[in-house]
Amino acid sequence: MGYRDIYSAALNNIFIAMRGCRIFDRFGFNMDESKRIENMVQNTSKYEKWVHDFMALDWRNSITGQLLTGYSSDHELTDLLDNHIDKELE
């Protein structure tokens, strides 16, 4: 794998320059009003509370402690995020 750095200040300049620009747009068609399904929202009283665990990089059930995805990042991603983000250079 080659040498990589993330220049966050330069990336921020790009995001500022693109603010307000429409990059993605929907596609498809408009559904006929007569075919729309009414009351698509459903209320529920049975739910589980999940909180984000930053150390585990995953969502954890607040009652059982179960992790939602079991995700673990690879060494290259961890190294990139920990050691190769330049916050000063523009």
PDB file of N, CA and C in Angstrom:
ATOM      1  N   MET A   1       0.848  -1.173   0.000  1.00  0.00           N
ATOM      2  CA  MET A   1       0.000   0.000   0.000  1.00  0.00           C
ATOM      3  C   MET A   1       0.890   1.231   0.000  1.00  0.00           C
ATOM      4  N   GLY A   2       0.495   2.214  -0.804  1.00  0.00           N
ATOM      5  CA  GLY A   2       1.298   3.421  -0.940  1.00  0.00           C
ATOM      6  C   GLY A   2       1.138   4.386   0.223  1.00  0.00           C
ATOM      7  N   TYR A   3       1.927   5.430   0.180  1.00  0.00           N
ATOM      8  CA  TYR A   3       1.904   6.465   1.206  1.00  0.00           C
ATOM      9  C   TYR A   3       0.656   7.319   1.023  1.00  0.00           C
ATOM     10  N   ARG A   4      -0.080   7.558   2.091  1.00  0.00           N
ATOM     11  CA  ARG A   4      -1.304   8.359   2.017  1.00  0.00           C
ATOM     12  C   ARG A   4      -1.369   9.339   3.176  1.00  0.00           C
ATOM     13  N   ASP A   5      -1.934  10.498   2.895  1.00  0.00           N
ATOM     14  CA  ASP A   5      -2.231  11.479   3.933  1.00  0.00           C
ATOM     15  C   ASP A   5      -3.593  12.097   3.629  1.00  0.00           C
ATOM     16  N   ILE A   6      -4.269  12.553   4.653  1.00  0.00           N
ATOM     17  CA  ILE A   6      -5.523  13.282   4.506  1.00  0.00           C
ATOM     18  C   ILE A   6      -5.236  14.711   4.936  1.00  0.00           C
ATOM     19  N   TYR A   7      -5.447  15.646   4.024  1.00  0.00           N
ATOM     20  CA  TYR A   7      -5.224  17.063   4.309  1.00  0.00           C
ATOM     21  C   TYR A   7      -6.584  17.679   4.657  1.00  0.00           C
ATOM     22  N   SER A   8      -6.913  17.678   5.937  1.00  0.00           N
ATOM     23  CA  SER A   8      -8.257  18.070   6.365  1.00  0.00           C
ATOM     24  C   SER A   8      -8.550  19.543   6.097  1.00  0.00           C
ATOM     25  N   ALA A   9      -7.574  20.417   6.212  1.00  0.00           N
ATOM     26  CA  ALA A   9      -7.817  21.843   5.953  1.00  0.00           C
ATOM     27  C   ALA A   9      -8.146  22.069   4.480  1.00  0.00           C
ATOM     28  N   ALA A  10      -7.436  21.392   3.584  1.00  0.00           N
ATOM     29  CA  ALA A  10      -7.718  21.512   2.153  1.00  0.00           C
ATOM     30  C   ALA A  10      -9.082  20.914   1.826  1.00  0.00           C
ATOM     31  N   LEU A  11      -9.413  19.800   2.441  1.00  0.00           N
ATOM     32  CA  LEU A  11     -10.715  19.179   2.237  1.00  0.00           C
ATOM     33  C   LEU A  11     -11.830  20.102   2.727  1.00  0.00           C
ATOM     34  N   ASN A  12     -11.603  20.782   3.825  1.00  0.00           N
ATOM     35  CA  ASN A  12     -12.581  21.743   4.331  1.00  0.00           C
ATOM     36  C   ASN A  12     -12.786  22.883   3.340  1.00  0.00           C
ATOM     37  N   ASN A  13     -11.712  23.358   2.701  1.00  0.00           N
ATOM     38  CA  ASN A  13     -11.846  24.404   1.686  1.00  0.00           C
ATOM     39  C   ASN A  13     -12.717  23.937   0.524  1.00  0.00           C
ATOM     40  N   ILE A  14     -12.560  22.688   0.117  1.00  0.00           N
ATOM     41  CA  ILE A  14     -13.372  22.132  -0.966  1.00  0.00           C
ATOM     42  C   ILE A  14     -14.835  22.083  -0.547  1.00  0.00           C
ATOM     43  N   PHE A  15     -15.106  21.622   0.682  1.00  0.00           N
ATOM     44  CA  PHE A  15     -16.486  21.547   1.159  1.00  0.00           C
ATOM     45  C   PHE A  15     -17.124  22.929   1.249  1.00  0.00           C
ATOM     46  N   ILE A  16     -16.358  23.932   1.688  1.00  0.00           N
ATOM     47  CA  ILE A  16     -16.877  25.297   1.770  1.00  0.00           C
ATOM     48  C   ILE A  16     -17.202  25.820   0.374  1.00  0.00           C
ATOM     49  N   ALA A  17     -16.330  25.552  -0.606  1.00  0.00           N
ATOM     50  CA  ALA A  17     -16.555  26.010  -1.977  1.00  0.00           C
ATOM     51  C   ALA A  17     -17.782  25.348  -2.600  1.00  0.00           C
ATOM     52  N   MET A  18     -18.091  24.132  -2.184  1.00  0.00           N
ATOM     53  CA  MET A  18     -19.211  23.396  -2.768  1.00  0.00           C
ATOM     54  C   MET A  18     -20.506  23.575  -1.981  1.00  0.00           C
ATOM     55  N   ARG A  19     -20.479  24.322  -0.880  1.00  0.00           N
ATOM     56  CA  ARG A  19     -21.676  24.501  -0.063  1.00  0.00           C
ATOM     57  C   ARG A  19     -22.794  25.104  -0.902  1.00  0.00           C
ATOM     58  N   GLY A  20     -23.964  24.504  -0.820  1.00  0.00           N
ATOM     59  CA  GLY A  20     -25.120  24.988  -1.555  1.00  0.00           C
ATOM     60  C   GLY A  20     -25.257  24.409  -2.950  1.00  0.00           C
ATOM     61  N   CYS A  21     -24.243  23.683  -3.428  1.00  0.00           N
ATOM     62  CA  CYS A  21     -24.324  23.064  -4.752  1.00  0.00           C
ATOM     63  C   CYS A  21     -25.057  21.732  -4.642  1.00  0.00           C
ATOM     64  N   ARG A  22     -25.916  21.468  -5.592  1.00  0.00           N
ATOM     65  CA  ARG A  22     -26.631  20.196  -5.609  1.00  0.00           C
ATOM     66  C   ARG A  22     -25.743  19.172  -6.315  1.00  0.00           C
ATOM     67  N   ILE A  23     -25.248  18.205  -5.558  1.00  0.00           N
ATOM     68  CA  ILE A  23     -24.353  17.195  -6.102  1.00  0.00           C
ATOM     69  C   ILE A  23     -25.126  15.933  -6.463  1.00  0.00           C
ATOM     70  N   PHE A  24     -26.058  15.561  -5.599  1.00  0.00           N
ATOM     71  CA  PHE A  24     -26.874  14.380  -5.837  1.00  0.00           C
ATOM     72  C   PHE A  24     -28.324  14.814  -6.004  1.00  0.00           C
ATOM     73  N   ASP A  25     -29.047  14.130  -6.841  1.00  0.00           N
ATOM     74  CA  ASP A  25     -30.449  14.437  -7.052  1.00  0.00           C
ATOM     75  C   ASP A  25     -31.217  13.128  -7.161  1.00  0.00           C
ATOM     76  N   ARG A  26     -32.475  13.190  -6.834  1.00  0.00           N
ATOM     77  CA  ARG A  26     -33.286  11.977  -6.924  1.00  0.00           C
ATOM     78  C   ARG A  26     -33.520  11.640  -8.385  1.00  0.00           C
ATOM     79  N   PHE A  27     -33.925  10.411  -8.617  1.00  0.00           N
ATOM     80  CA  PHE A  27     -34.292  10.012  -9.959  1.00  0.00           C
ATOM     81  C   PHE A  27     -35.493   9.086  -9.845  1.00  0.00           C
ATOM     82  N   GLY A  28     -36.179   8.881 -10.923  1.00  0.00           N
ATOM     83  CA  GLY A  28     -37.359   8.026 -10.885  1.00  0.00           C
ATOM     84  C   GLY A  28     -38.566   8.777 -11.386  1.00  0.00           C
ATOM     85  N   PHE A  29     -39.658   8.648 -10.664  1.00  0.00           N
ATOM     86  CA  PHE A  29     -40.912   9.233 -11.122  1.00  0.00           C
ATOM     87  C   PHE A  29     -41.708   9.708  -9.919  1.00  0.00           C
ATOM     88  N   ASN A  30     -42.723  10.520 -10.184  1.00  0.00           N
ATOM     89  CA  ASN A  30     -43.639  10.975  -9.149  1.00  0.00           C
ATOM     90  C   ASN A  30     -44.845  10.045  -9.130  1.00  0.00           C
ATOM     91  N   MET A  31     -45.155   9.504  -7.967  1.00  0.00           N
ATOM     92  CA  MET A  31     -46.272   8.587  -7.852  1.00  0.00           C
ATOM     93  C   MET A  31     -47.592   9.341  -7.930  1.00  0.00           C
ATOM     94  N   ASP A  32     -48.551   8.736  -8.578  1.00  0.00           N
ATOM     95  CA  ASP A  32     -49.894   9.295  -8.680  1.00  0.00           C
ATOM     96  C   ASP A  32     -50.486   9.427  -7.283  1.00  0.00           C
ATOM     97  N   GLU A  33     -51.101  10.571  -6.999  1.00  0.00           N
ATOM     98  CA  GLU A  33     -51.658  10.835  -5.665  1.00  0.00           C
ATOM     99  C   GLU A  33     -52.635   9.754  -5.224  1.00  0.00           C
ATOM    100  N   SER A  34     -53.402   9.187  -6.136  1.00  0.00           N
ATOM    101  CA  SER A  34     -54.414   8.201  -5.767  1.00  0.00           C
ATOM    102  C   SER A  34     -53.805   6.870  -5.328  1.00  0.00           C
ATOM    103  N   LYS A  35     -52.539   6.631  -5.638  1.00  0.00           N
ATOM    104  CA  LYS A  35     -51.895   5.359  -5.300  1.00  0.00           C
ATOM    105  C   LYS A  35     -51.013   5.431  -4.058  1.00  0.00           C
ATOM    106  N   ARG A  36     -50.899   6.587  -3.466  1.00  0.00           N
ATOM    107  CA  ARG A  36     -50.057   6.734  -2.277  1.00  0.00           C
ATOM    108  C   ARG A  36     -50.661   6.008  -1.093  1.00  0.00           C
ATOM    109  N   ILE A  37     -49.822   5.413  -0.294  1.00  0.00           N
ATOM    110  CA  ILE A  37     -50.269   4.713   0.902  1.00  0.00           C
ATOM    111  C   ILE A  37     -50.337   5.721   2.035  1.00  0.00           C
ATOM    112  N   GLU A  38     -51.503   5.831   2.651  1.00  0.00           N
ATOM    113  CA  GLU A  38     -51.687   6.761   3.761  1.00  0.00           C
ATOM    114  C   GLU A  38     -51.252   6.105   5.065  1.00  0.00           C
ATOM    115  N   ASN A  39     -50.911   6.914   6.004  1.00  0.00           N
ATOM    116  CA  ASN A  39     -50.547   6.458   7.355  1.00  0.00           C
ATOM    117  C   ASN A  39     -49.415   5.426   7.344  1.00  0.00           C
ATOM    118  N   MET A  40     -48.338   5.754   6.698  1.00  0.00           N
ATOM    119  CA  MET A  40     -47.201   4.828   6.641  1.00  0.00           C
ATOM    120  C   MET A  40     -46.424   4.803   7.953  1.00  0.00           C
ATOM    121  N   VAL A  41     -46.658   5.762   8.816  1.00  0.00           N
ATOM    122  CA  VAL A  41     -45.965   5.808  10.096  1.00  0.00           C
ATOM    123  C   VAL A  41     -46.653   4.873  11.078  1.00  0.00           C
ATOM    124  N   GLN A  42     -45.852   4.050  11.742  1.00  0.00           N
ATOM    125  CA  GLN A  42     -46.398   3.145  12.745  1.00  0.00           C
ATOM    126  C   GLN A  42     -45.722   3.424  14.073  1.00  0.00           C
ATOM    127  N   ASN A  43     -46.506   3.560  15.117  1.00  0.00           N
ATOM    128  CA  ASN A  43     -45.967   3.750  16.459  1.00  0.00           C
ATOM    129  C   ASN A  43     -45.729   2.391  17.090  1.00  0.00           C
ATOM    130  N   THR A  44     -44.689   2.297  17.891  1.00  0.00           N
ATOM    131  CA  THR A  44     -44.397   1.047  18.577  1.00  0.00           C
ATOM    132  C   THR A  44     -44.020   1.334  20.018  1.00  0.00           C
ATOM    133  N   SER A  45     -44.345   0.408  20.866  1.00  0.00           N
ATOM    134  CA  SER A  45     -43.956   0.555  22.270  1.00  0.00           C
ATOM    135  C   SER A  45     -42.846  -0.425  22.627  1.00  0.00           C
ATOM    136  N   LYS A  46     -42.539  -1.339  21.714  1.00  0.00           N
ATOM    137  CA  LYS A  46     -41.466  -2.308  21.943  1.00  0.00           C
ATOM    138  C   LYS A  46     -40.246  -1.881  21.120  1.00  0.00           C
ATOM    139  N   TYR A  47     -39.239  -1.438  21.808  1.00  0.00           N
ATOM    140  CA  TYR A  47     -38.010  -1.033  21.132  1.00  0.00           C
ATOM    141  C   TYR A  47     -36.839  -1.256  22.080  1.00  0.00           C
ATOM    142  N   GLU A  48     -35.656  -1.275  21.511  1.00  0.00           N
ATOM    143  CA  GLU A  48     -34.436  -1.437  22.303  1.00  0.00           C
ATOM    144  C   GLU A  48     -33.628  -0.150  22.208  1.00  0.00           C
ATOM    145  N   LYS A  49     -32.993   0.223  23.290  1.00  0.00           N
ATOM    146  CA  LYS A  49     -32.173   1.425  23.302  1.00  0.00           C
ATOM    147  C   LYS A  49     -30.720   1.044  22.986  1.00  0.00           C
ATOM    148  N   TRP A  50     -30.171   1.682  21.968  1.00  0.00           N
ATOM    149  CA  TRP A  50     -28.788   1.462  21.559  1.00  0.00           C
ATOM    150  C   TRP A  50     -28.031   2.766  21.723  1.00  0.00           C
ATOM    151  N   VAL A  51     -26.800   2.684  22.226  1.00  0.00           N
ATOM    152  CA  VAL A  51     -25.933   3.854  22.364  1.00  0.00           C
ATOM    153  C   VAL A  51     -24.632   3.573  21.619  1.00  0.00           C
ATOM    154  N   HIS A  52     -24.051   4.631  21.062  1.00  0.00           N
ATOM    155  CA  HIS A  52     -22.809   4.424  20.306  1.00  0.00           C
ATOM    156  C   HIS A  52     -21.634   4.310  21.265  1.00  0.00           C
ATOM    157  N   ASP A  53     -20.869   3.248  21.123  1.00  0.00           N
ATOM    158  CA  ASP A  53     -19.678   3.004  21.929  1.00  0.00           C
ATOM    159  C   ASP A  53     -18.467   3.359  21.067  1.00  0.00           C
ATOM    160  N   PHE A  54     -17.831   4.508  21.357  1.00  0.00           N
ATOM    161  CA  PHE A  54     -16.730   4.979  20.526  1.00  0.00           C
ATOM    162  C   PHE A  54     -15.504   4.080  20.619  1.00  0.00           C
ATOM    163  N   MET A  55     -15.305   3.437  21.735  1.00  0.00           N
ATOM    164  CA  MET A  55     -14.152   2.541  21.863  1.00  0.00           C
ATOM    165  C   MET A  55     -14.353   1.269  21.040  1.00  0.00           C
ATOM    166  N   ALA A  56     -15.571   0.783  20.967  1.00  0.00           N
ATOM    167  CA  ALA A  56     -15.857  -0.431  20.200  1.00  0.00           C
ATOM    168  C   ALA A  56     -16.153  -0.121  18.735  1.00  0.00           C
ATOM    169  N   LEU A  57     -16.298   1.176  18.391  1.00  0.00           N
ATOM    170  CA  LEU A  57     -16.658   1.600  17.034  1.00  0.00           C
ATOM    171  C   LEU A  57     -17.942   0.930  16.569  1.00  0.00           C
ATOM    172  N   ASP A  58     -18.916   0.834  17.460  1.00  0.00           N
ATOM    173  CA  ASP A  58     -20.149   0.117  17.158  1.00  0.00           C
ATOM    174  C   ASP A  58     -21.261   0.617  18.077  1.00  0.00           C
ATOM    175  N   TRP A  59     -22.480   0.210  17.792  1.00  0.00           N
ATOM    176  CA  TRP A  59     -23.623   0.516  18.649  1.00  0.00           C
ATOM    177  C   TRP A  59     -23.791  -0.616  19.638  1.00  0.00           C
ATOM    178  N   ARG A  60     -24.025  -0.278  20.911  1.00  0.00           N
ATOM    179  CA  ARG A  60     -24.155  -1.266  21.973  1.00  0.00           C
ATOM    180  C   ARG A  60     -25.551  -1.161  22.586  1.00  0.00           C
ATOM    181  N   ASN A  61     -26.186  -2.329  22.766  1.00  0.00           N
ATOM    182  CA  ASN A  61     -27.488  -2.381  23.423  1.00  0.00           C
ATOM    183  C   ASN A  61     -27.297  -1.995  24.881  1.00  0.00           C
ATOM    184  N   SER A  62     -28.061  -1.015  25.343  1.00  0.00           N
ATOM    185  CA  SER A  62     -27.847  -0.495  26.700  1.00  0.00           C
ATOM    186  C   SER A  62     -28.282  -1.479  27.781  1.00  0.00           C
ATOM    187  N   ILE A  63     -29.080  -2.473  27.448  1.00  0.00           N
ATOM    188  CA  ILE A  63     -29.522  -3.455  28.446  1.00  0.00           C
ATOM    189  C   ILE A  63     -28.667  -4.718  28.397  1.00  0.00           C
ATOM    190  N   THR A  64     -28.506  -5.288  27.208  1.00  0.00           N
ATOM    191  CA  THR A  64     -27.792  -6.569  27.092  1.00  0.00           C
ATOM    192  C   THR A  64     -26.291  -6.409  26.883  1.00  0.00           C
ATOM    193  N   GLY A  65     -25.847  -5.248  26.383  1.00  0.00           N
ATOM    194  CA  GLY A  65     -24.440  -5.042  26.082  1.00  0.00           C
ATOM    195  C   GLY A  65     -24.027  -5.602  24.736  1.00  0.00           C
ATOM    196  N   GLN A  66     -24.962  -6.160  23.981  1.00  0.00           N
ATOM    197  CA  GLN A  66     -24.688  -6.755  22.683  1.00  0.00           C
ATOM    198  C   GLN A  66     -24.287  -5.677  21.684  1.00  0.00           C
ATOM    199  N   LEU A  67     -23.268  -5.965  20.858  1.00  0.00           N
ATOM    200  CA  LEU A  67     -22.860  -5.050  19.803  1.00  0.00           C
ATOM    201  C   LEU A  67     -23.741  -5.267  18.584  1.00  0.00           C
ATOM    202  N   LEU A  68     -24.052  -4.187  17.872  1.00  0.00           N
ATOM    203  CA  LEU A  68     -24.969  -4.269  16.745  1.00  0.00           C
ATOM    204  C   LEU A  68     -24.343  -4.952  15.536  1.00  0.00           C
ATOM    205  N   THR A  69     -23.114  -4.567  15.151  1.00  0.00           N
ATOM    206  CA  THR A  69     -22.534  -5.098  13.918  1.00  0.00           C
ATOM    207  C   THR A  69     -21.316  -5.986  14.135  1.00  0.00           C
ATOM    208  N   GLY A  70     -20.604  -5.821  15.233  1.00  0.00           N
ATOM    209  CA  GLY A  70     -19.371  -6.574  15.430  1.00  0.00           C
ATOM    210  C   GLY A  70     -18.236  -6.064  14.552  1.00  0.00           C
ATOM    211  N   TYR A  71     -18.335  -4.824  14.088  1.00  0.00           N
ATOM    212  CA  TYR A  71     -17.346  -4.234  13.186  1.00  0.00           C
ATOM    213  C   TYR A  71     -15.994  -4.085  13.871  1.00  0.00           C
ATOM    214  N   SER A  72     -14.941  -4.361  13.115  1.00  0.00           N
ATOM    215  CA  SER A  72     -13.589  -4.042  13.568  1.00  0.00           C
ATOM    216  C   SER A  72     -12.810  -3.520  12.362  1.00  0.00           C
ATOM    217  N   SER A  73     -12.154  -2.378  12.543  1.00  0.00           N
ATOM    218  CA  SER A  73     -11.420  -1.787  11.423  1.00  0.00           C
ATOM    219  C   SER A  73     -10.100  -2.505  11.220  1.00  0.00           C
ATOM    220  N   ASP A  74      -9.635  -2.479   9.974  1.00  0.00           N
ATOM    221  CA  ASP A  74      -8.354  -3.116   9.695  1.00  0.00           C
ATOM    222  C   ASP A  74      -7.201  -2.196  10.099  1.00  0.00           C
ATOM    223  N   HIS A  75      -6.013  -2.733  10.131  1.00  0.00           N
ATOM    224  CA  HIS A  75      -4.832  -1.996  10.592  1.00  0.00           C
ATOM    225  C   HIS A  75      -4.555  -0.769   9.730  1.00  0.00           C
ATOM    226  N   GLU A  76      -4.727  -0.887   8.406  1.00  0.00           N
ATOM    227  CA  GLU A  76      -4.421   0.228   7.507  1.00  0.00           C
ATOM    228  C   GLU A  76      -5.343   1.425   7.762  1.00  0.00           C
ATOM    229  N   LEU A  77      -6.622   1.184   7.976  1.00  0.00           N
ATOM    230  CA  LEU A  77      -7.550   2.274   8.250  1.00  0.00           C
ATOM    231  C   LEU A  77      -7.236   2.932   9.587  1.00  0.00           C
ATOM    232  N   THR A  78      -6.979   2.131  10.596  1.00  0.00           N
ATOM    233  CA  THR A  78      -6.639   2.669  11.910  1.00  0.00           C
ATOM    234  C   THR A  78      -5.375   3.519  11.836  1.00  0.00           C
ATOM    235  N   ASP A  79      -4.365   3.046  11.124  1.00  0.00           N
ATOM    236  CA  ASP A  79      -3.121   3.795  10.959  1.00  0.00           C
ATOM    237  C   ASP A  79      -3.369   5.104  10.215  1.00  0.00           C
ATOM    238  N   LEU A  80      -4.180   5.062   9.150  1.00  0.00           N
ATOM    239  CA  LEU A  80      -4.488   6.270   8.388  1.00  0.00           C
ATOM    240  C   LEU A  80      -5.169   7.308   9.275  1.00  0.00           C
ATOM    241  N   LEU A  81      -6.163   6.895  10.046  1.00  0.00           N
ATOM    242  CA  LEU A  81      -6.904   7.835  10.883  1.00  0.00           C
ATOM    243  C   LEU A  81      -6.085   8.340  12.066  1.00  0.00           C
ATOM    244  N   ASP A  82      -5.222   7.500  12.608  1.00  0.00           N
ATOM    245  CA  ASP A  82      -4.435   7.897  13.780  1.00  0.00           C
ATOM    246  C   ASP A  82      -3.176   8.696  13.432  1.00  0.00           C
ATOM    247  N   ASN A  83      -2.573   8.428  12.282  1.00  0.00           N
ATOM    248  CA  ASN A  83      -1.239   8.966  12.016  1.00  0.00           C
ATOM    249  C   ASN A  83      -1.092   9.797  10.734  1.00  0.00           C
ATOM    250  N   HIS A  84      -2.102   9.835   9.900  1.00  0.00           N
ATOM    251  CA  HIS A  84      -1.902  10.476   8.586  1.00  0.00           C
ATOM    252  C   HIS A  84      -2.964  11.522   8.267  1.00  0.00           C
ATOM    253  N   ILE A  85      -3.421  12.264   9.247  1.00  0.00           N
ATOM    254  CA  ILE A  85      -4.335  13.377   9.004  1.00  0.00           C
ATOM    255  C   ILE A  85      -3.597  14.655   9.330  1.00  0.00           C
ATOM    256  N   ASP A  86      -3.342  15.439   8.292  1.00  0.00           N
ATOM    257  CA  ASP A  86      -2.635  16.705   8.426  1.00  0.00           C
ATOM    258  C   ASP A  86      -3.668  17.809   8.625  1.00  0.00           C
ATOM    259  N   LYS A  87      -3.705  18.401   9.791  1.00  0.00           N
ATOM    260  CA  LYS A  87      -4.706  19.417  10.107  1.00  0.00           C
ATOM    261  C   LYS A  87      -4.205  20.829   9.830  1.00  0.00           C
ATOM    262  N   GLU A  88      -2.949  20.988   9.486  1.00  0.00           N
ATOM    263  CA  GLU A  88      -2.371  22.318   9.345  1.00  0.00           C
ATOM    264  C   GLU A  88      -2.230  22.760   7.888  1.00  0.00           C
ATOM    265  N   LEU A  89      -1.795  21.880   6.997  1.00  0.00           N
ATOM    266  CA  LEU A  89      -1.483  22.241   5.616  1.00  0.00           C
ATOM    267  C   LEU A  89      -2.758  22.521   4.826  1.00  0.00           C
ATOM    268  N   GLU A  90      -2.759  23.595   4.028  1.00  0.00           N
ATOM    269  CA  GLU A  90      -3.916  23.890   3.168  1.00  0.00           C
ATOM    270  C   GLU A  90      -3.547  23.700   1.729  1.00  0.00           C
TER     271      GLU A  90
END
